[in-house]
Amino acid sequence: MQSLIMRDVDHILESQIYQDHVSGFEIRLVTNGRFSEQDRQRLLQQAKRHTAPGMQIDIVEVPEIPRGPNGKFQSLINLAEASDMPKQALLCGTGAS
């Protein structure tokens, strides 16, 4: 899903989707400094196309995305309680295992 959301949005070097509650999530971005309001709106529109109606989506620019012990970062972090997820997961590809 992440690649679908980020498709055709310029100036993103790294991204991470972070969800800690079922009603919304955060898209964390490391940009090249030229990420514009137009890029932000395109990203938000694409994210809304791939999530449930009413999902709160926040776009946050960060200086870096923390790395794990292996030197890599997780592109998706889902801390939302699985028991709080509706039958159809709010964020496609998460919640059901």
N, C-alpha and C. Protein backbone atom coordinates (compact mmCIF):
# COMPACT_ATOMS: atom_id res chain seq x y z
N MET A 1 0.81 -1.20 0.00
CA MET A 1 0.00 0.00 0.00
C MET A 1 0.85 1.25 0.00
N GLN A 2 1.96 1.22 0.73
CA GLN A 2 2.78 2.41 0.83
C GLN A 2 3.25 2.88 -0.54
N SER A 3 3.64 1.95 -1.40
CA SER A 3 4.10 2.36 -2.72
C SER A 3 2.96 2.98 -3.53
N LEU A 4 1.73 2.53 -3.33
CA LEU A 4 0.59 3.13 -4.02
C LEU A 4 0.36 4.55 -3.56
N ILE A 5 0.49 4.79 -2.27
CA ILE A 5 0.26 6.12 -1.73
C ILE A 5 1.33 7.09 -2.19
N MET A 6 2.58 6.65 -2.23
CA MET A 6 3.70 7.53 -2.55
C MET A 6 3.91 7.72 -4.06
N ARG A 7 3.22 6.92 -4.86
CA ARG A 7 3.40 6.97 -6.32
C ARG A 7 3.14 8.39 -6.85
N ASP A 8 4.00 8.85 -7.70
CA ASP A 8 3.86 10.14 -8.37
C ASP A 8 3.92 11.34 -7.44
N VAL A 9 4.46 11.17 -6.25
CA VAL A 9 4.68 12.30 -5.34
C VAL A 9 6.18 12.54 -5.29
N ASP A 10 6.57 13.74 -5.68
CA ASP A 10 7.99 14.06 -5.77
C ASP A 10 8.57 14.51 -4.43
N HIS A 11 9.88 14.50 -4.36
CA HIS A 11 10.66 15.10 -3.28
C HIS A 11 10.62 14.32 -1.97
N ILE A 12 10.24 13.04 -2.01
CA ILE A 12 10.25 12.19 -0.83
C ILE A 12 11.47 11.27 -0.91
N LEU A 13 12.32 11.33 0.11
CA LEU A 13 13.49 10.47 0.15
C LEU A 13 13.20 9.16 0.88
N GLU A 14 12.47 9.26 2.00
CA GLU A 14 12.06 8.09 2.78
C GLU A 14 10.68 8.36 3.37
N SER A 15 9.96 7.28 3.63
CA SER A 15 8.64 7.45 4.24
C SER A 15 8.33 6.28 5.16
N GLN A 16 7.46 6.56 6.11
CA GLN A 16 7.03 5.54 7.06
C GLN A 16 5.58 5.83 7.41
N ILE A 17 4.77 4.78 7.46
CA ILE A 17 3.40 4.90 7.93
C ILE A 17 3.38 4.41 9.37
N TYR A 18 2.87 5.25 10.26
CA TYR A 18 2.86 4.95 11.69
C TYR A 18 1.41 5.03 12.18
N GLN A 19 0.90 3.91 12.70
CA GLN A 19 -0.48 3.88 13.18
C GLN A 19 -0.48 3.40 14.63
N ASP A 20 -0.99 4.25 15.53
CA ASP A 20 -1.07 3.86 16.93
C ASP A 20 -2.51 3.87 17.45
N HIS A 21 -3.47 4.14 16.57
CA HIS A 21 -4.89 4.03 16.91
C HIS A 21 -5.66 3.70 15.63
N VAL A 22 -6.83 3.10 15.81
CA VAL A 22 -7.55 2.58 14.65
C VAL A 22 -8.21 3.66 13.80
N SER A 23 -8.36 4.88 14.32
CA SER A 23 -9.07 5.91 13.57
C SER A 23 -8.16 6.78 12.71
N GLY A 24 -6.87 6.50 12.73
CA GLY A 24 -6.00 7.33 11.90
C GLY A 24 -4.57 6.86 11.93
N PHE A 25 -3.74 7.53 11.13
CA PHE A 25 -2.33 7.20 11.07
C PHE A 25 -1.54 8.42 10.62
N GLU A 26 -0.24 8.30 10.75
CA GLU A 26 0.67 9.37 10.39
C GLU A 26 1.57 8.89 9.27
N ILE A 27 1.79 9.74 8.29
CA ILE A 27 2.77 9.45 7.25
C ILE A 27 3.98 10.32 7.57
N ARG A 28 5.07 9.68 7.92
CA ARG A 28 6.31 10.38 8.26
C ARG A 28 7.19 10.43 7.03
N LEU A 29 7.69 11.62 6.73
CA LEU A 29 8.46 11.82 5.51
C LEU A 29 9.81 12.47 5.78
N VAL A 30 10.82 11.96 5.12
CA VAL A 30 12.09 12.66 4.98
C VAL A 30 12.08 13.17 3.55
N THR A 31 12.19 14.48 3.39
CA THR A 31 12.11 15.06 2.05
C THR A 31 13.46 15.67 1.65
N ASN A 32 13.53 16.07 0.40
CA ASN A 32 14.76 16.69 -0.10
C ASN A 32 14.74 18.21 0.07
N GLY A 33 13.75 18.73 0.82
CA GLY A 33 13.66 20.17 1.05
C GLY A 33 12.80 20.91 0.04
N ARG A 34 12.37 20.21 -0.99
CA ARG A 34 11.54 20.85 -2.02
C ARG A 34 10.10 20.32 -1.99
N PHE A 35 9.74 19.59 -0.95
CA PHE A 35 8.39 19.04 -0.81
C PHE A 35 7.43 20.21 -0.61
N SER A 36 6.49 20.38 -1.53
CA SER A 36 5.61 21.55 -1.55
C SER A 36 4.22 21.23 -1.02
N GLU A 37 3.42 22.25 -0.89
CA GLU A 37 2.02 22.07 -0.48
C GLU A 37 1.28 21.25 -1.54
N GLN A 38 1.62 21.42 -2.80
CA GLN A 38 1.02 20.63 -3.88
C GLN A 38 1.37 19.15 -3.70
N ASP A 39 2.63 18.86 -3.37
CA ASP A 39 3.04 17.47 -3.11
C ASP A 39 2.27 16.90 -1.93
N ARG A 40 2.13 17.71 -0.87
CA ARG A 40 1.40 17.29 0.33
C ARG A 40 -0.06 16.95 0.00
N GLN A 41 -0.70 17.78 -0.80
CA GLN A 41 -2.10 17.54 -1.15
C GLN A 41 -2.25 16.30 -2.03
N ARG A 42 -1.32 16.10 -2.95
CA ARG A 42 -1.36 14.90 -3.80
C ARG A 42 -1.21 13.65 -2.94
N LEU A 43 -0.27 13.68 -2.00
CA LEU A 43 -0.05 12.55 -1.10
C LEU A 43 -1.29 12.28 -0.26
N LEU A 44 -1.89 13.33 0.27
CA LEU A 44 -3.09 13.18 1.09
C LEU A 44 -4.25 12.59 0.28
N GLN A 45 -4.44 13.06 -0.93
CA GLN A 45 -5.49 12.53 -1.80
C GLN A 45 -5.28 11.04 -2.08
N GLN A 46 -4.05 10.67 -2.38
CA GLN A 46 -3.76 9.27 -2.67
C GLN A 46 -3.95 8.40 -1.43
N ALA A 47 -3.56 8.90 -0.27
CA ALA A 47 -3.74 8.14 0.97
C ALA A 47 -5.22 7.93 1.24
N LYS A 48 -6.03 8.94 1.02
CA LYS A 48 -7.47 8.83 1.26
C LYS A 48 -8.12 7.82 0.32
N ARG A 49 -7.58 7.68 -0.88
CA ARG A 49 -8.11 6.71 -1.84
C ARG A 49 -7.91 5.27 -1.38
N HIS A 50 -6.90 5.03 -0.55
CA HIS A 50 -6.54 3.68 -0.15
C HIS A 50 -6.87 3.36 1.31
N THR A 51 -7.68 4.21 1.94
CA THR A 51 -8.06 3.98 3.34
C THR A 51 -9.56 4.16 3.50
N ALA A 52 -10.05 3.78 4.66
CA ALA A 52 -11.48 3.88 4.95
C ALA A 52 -11.91 5.35 5.04
N PRO A 53 -13.16 5.63 4.66
CA PRO A 53 -13.67 7.00 4.80
C PRO A 53 -13.58 7.46 6.25
N GLY A 54 -13.22 8.71 6.43
CA GLY A 54 -13.15 9.27 7.77
C GLY A 54 -11.85 9.02 8.51
N MET A 55 -10.94 8.29 7.90
CA MET A 55 -9.65 8.01 8.53
C MET A 55 -8.87 9.31 8.67
N GLN A 56 -8.35 9.59 9.85
CA GLN A 56 -7.52 10.77 10.09
C GLN A 56 -6.11 10.49 9.57
N ILE A 57 -5.63 11.33 8.68
CA ILE A 57 -4.30 11.15 8.10
C ILE A 57 -3.49 12.41 8.34
N ASP A 58 -2.38 12.26 9.03
CA ASP A 58 -1.48 13.38 9.28
C ASP A 58 -0.19 13.15 8.51
N ILE A 59 0.29 14.19 7.86
CA ILE A 59 1.55 14.12 7.13
C ILE A 59 2.56 14.95 7.92
N VAL A 60 3.65 14.30 8.31
CA VAL A 60 4.64 14.93 9.18
C VAL A 60 6.02 14.81 8.53
N GLU A 61 6.68 15.93 8.33
CA GLU A 61 8.06 15.90 7.84
C GLU A 61 8.98 15.74 9.04
N VAL A 62 9.90 14.81 8.94
CA VAL A 62 10.86 14.53 10.01
C VAL A 62 12.27 14.59 9.42
N PRO A 63 13.27 14.90 10.27
CA PRO A 63 14.63 14.96 9.75
C PRO A 63 15.19 13.59 9.38
N GLU A 64 14.73 12.55 10.09
CA GLU A 64 15.17 11.19 9.78
C GLU A 64 14.16 10.19 10.32
N ILE A 65 14.21 8.99 9.77
CA ILE A 65 13.39 7.89 10.27
C ILE A 65 14.35 6.95 11.00
N PRO A 66 14.10 6.70 12.29
CA PRO A 66 15.03 5.88 13.08
C PRO A 66 15.25 4.49 12.46
N ARG A 67 16.48 4.03 12.56
CA ARG A 67 16.87 2.71 12.06
C ARG A 67 16.85 1.71 13.19
N GLY A 68 16.59 0.47 12.85
CA GLY A 68 16.67 -0.62 13.79
C GLY A 68 18.10 -1.11 13.91
N PRO A 69 18.31 -2.15 14.72
CA PRO A 69 19.67 -2.68 14.91
C PRO A 69 20.33 -3.14 13.61
N ASN A 70 19.53 -3.54 12.62
CA ASN A 70 20.08 -4.00 11.35
C ASN A 70 20.40 -2.86 10.38
N GLY A 71 20.15 -1.62 10.82
CA GLY A 71 20.44 -0.47 9.97
C GLY A 71 19.32 -0.08 9.03
N LYS A 72 18.22 -0.81 9.07
CA LYS A 72 17.08 -0.52 8.21
C LYS A 72 15.96 0.10 9.03
N PHE A 73 15.00 0.73 8.34
CA PHE A 73 13.83 1.24 9.04
C PHE A 73 12.60 0.48 8.59
N GLN A 74 11.60 0.46 9.45
CA GLN A 74 10.33 -0.19 9.11
C GLN A 74 9.49 0.81 8.32
N SER A 75 8.96 0.40 7.19
CA SER A 75 8.12 1.30 6.39
C SER A 75 6.71 1.39 6.95
N LEU A 76 6.30 0.40 7.75
CA LEU A 76 4.97 0.42 8.38
C LEU A 76 5.11 -0.02 9.82
N ILE A 77 4.62 0.82 10.72
CA ILE A 77 4.55 0.47 12.14
C ILE A 77 3.09 0.56 12.53
N ASN A 78 2.53 -0.55 12.98
CA ASN A 78 1.12 -0.59 13.39
C ASN A 78 1.04 -1.02 14.84
N LEU A 79 0.75 -0.06 15.72
CA LEU A 79 0.62 -0.33 17.14
C LEU A 79 -0.84 -0.33 17.59
N ALA A 80 -1.75 -0.16 16.64
CA ALA A 80 -3.18 -0.17 16.97
C ALA A 80 -3.56 -1.56 17.45
N GLU A 81 -4.40 -1.61 18.45
CA GLU A 81 -4.83 -2.90 19.01
C GLU A 81 -5.66 -3.66 17.99
N ALA A 82 -5.28 -4.88 17.71
CA ALA A 82 -6.02 -5.71 16.76
C ALA A 82 -7.46 -5.90 17.22
N SER A 83 -7.69 -5.96 18.53
CA SER A 83 -9.05 -6.15 19.04
C SER A 83 -9.91 -4.93 18.78
N ASP A 84 -9.30 -3.77 18.54
CA ASP A 84 -10.04 -2.55 18.24
C ASP A 84 -10.35 -2.39 16.77
N MET A 85 -9.77 -3.25 15.94
CA MET A 85 -9.97 -3.15 14.50
C MET A 85 -11.37 -3.64 14.13
N PRO A 86 -12.04 -2.95 13.24
CA PRO A 86 -13.32 -3.44 12.75
C PRO A 86 -13.10 -4.66 11.86
N LYS A 87 -14.18 -5.32 11.45
CA LYS A 87 -14.06 -6.51 10.60
C LYS A 87 -13.18 -6.22 9.39
N GLN A 88 -13.41 -5.11 8.75
CA GLN A 88 -12.59 -4.73 7.61
C GLN A 88 -11.54 -3.75 8.15
N ALA A 89 -10.27 -4.12 8.09
CA ALA A 89 -9.21 -3.28 8.65
C ALA A 89 -9.28 -1.89 8.03
N LEU A 90 -9.10 -0.88 8.87
CA LEU A 90 -9.19 0.49 8.40
C LEU A 90 -8.02 0.86 7.51
N LEU A 91 -6.86 0.36 7.83
CA LEU A 91 -5.69 0.65 7.02
C LEU A 91 -5.38 -0.62 6.25
N CYS A 92 -5.57 -0.59 4.97
CA CYS A 92 -5.44 -1.79 4.13
C CYS A 92 -4.15 -2.54 4.44
N GLY A 93 -4.26 -3.84 4.61
CA GLY A 93 -3.09 -4.65 4.82
C GLY A 93 -2.63 -4.73 6.25
N THR A 94 -3.38 -4.16 7.19
CA THR A 94 -2.99 -4.23 8.60
C THR A 94 -4.16 -4.71 9.42
N GLY A 95 -3.85 -5.15 10.60
CA GLY A 95 -4.91 -5.50 11.54
C GLY A 95 -5.33 -6.94 11.50
N ALA A 96 -5.30 -7.56 10.39
CA ALA A 96 -5.72 -8.97 10.29
C ALA A 96 -4.49 -9.84 10.15
N SER A 97 -4.34 -10.81 11.02
CA SER A 97 -3.21 -11.72 10.87
C SER A 97 -3.62 -13.12 11.22
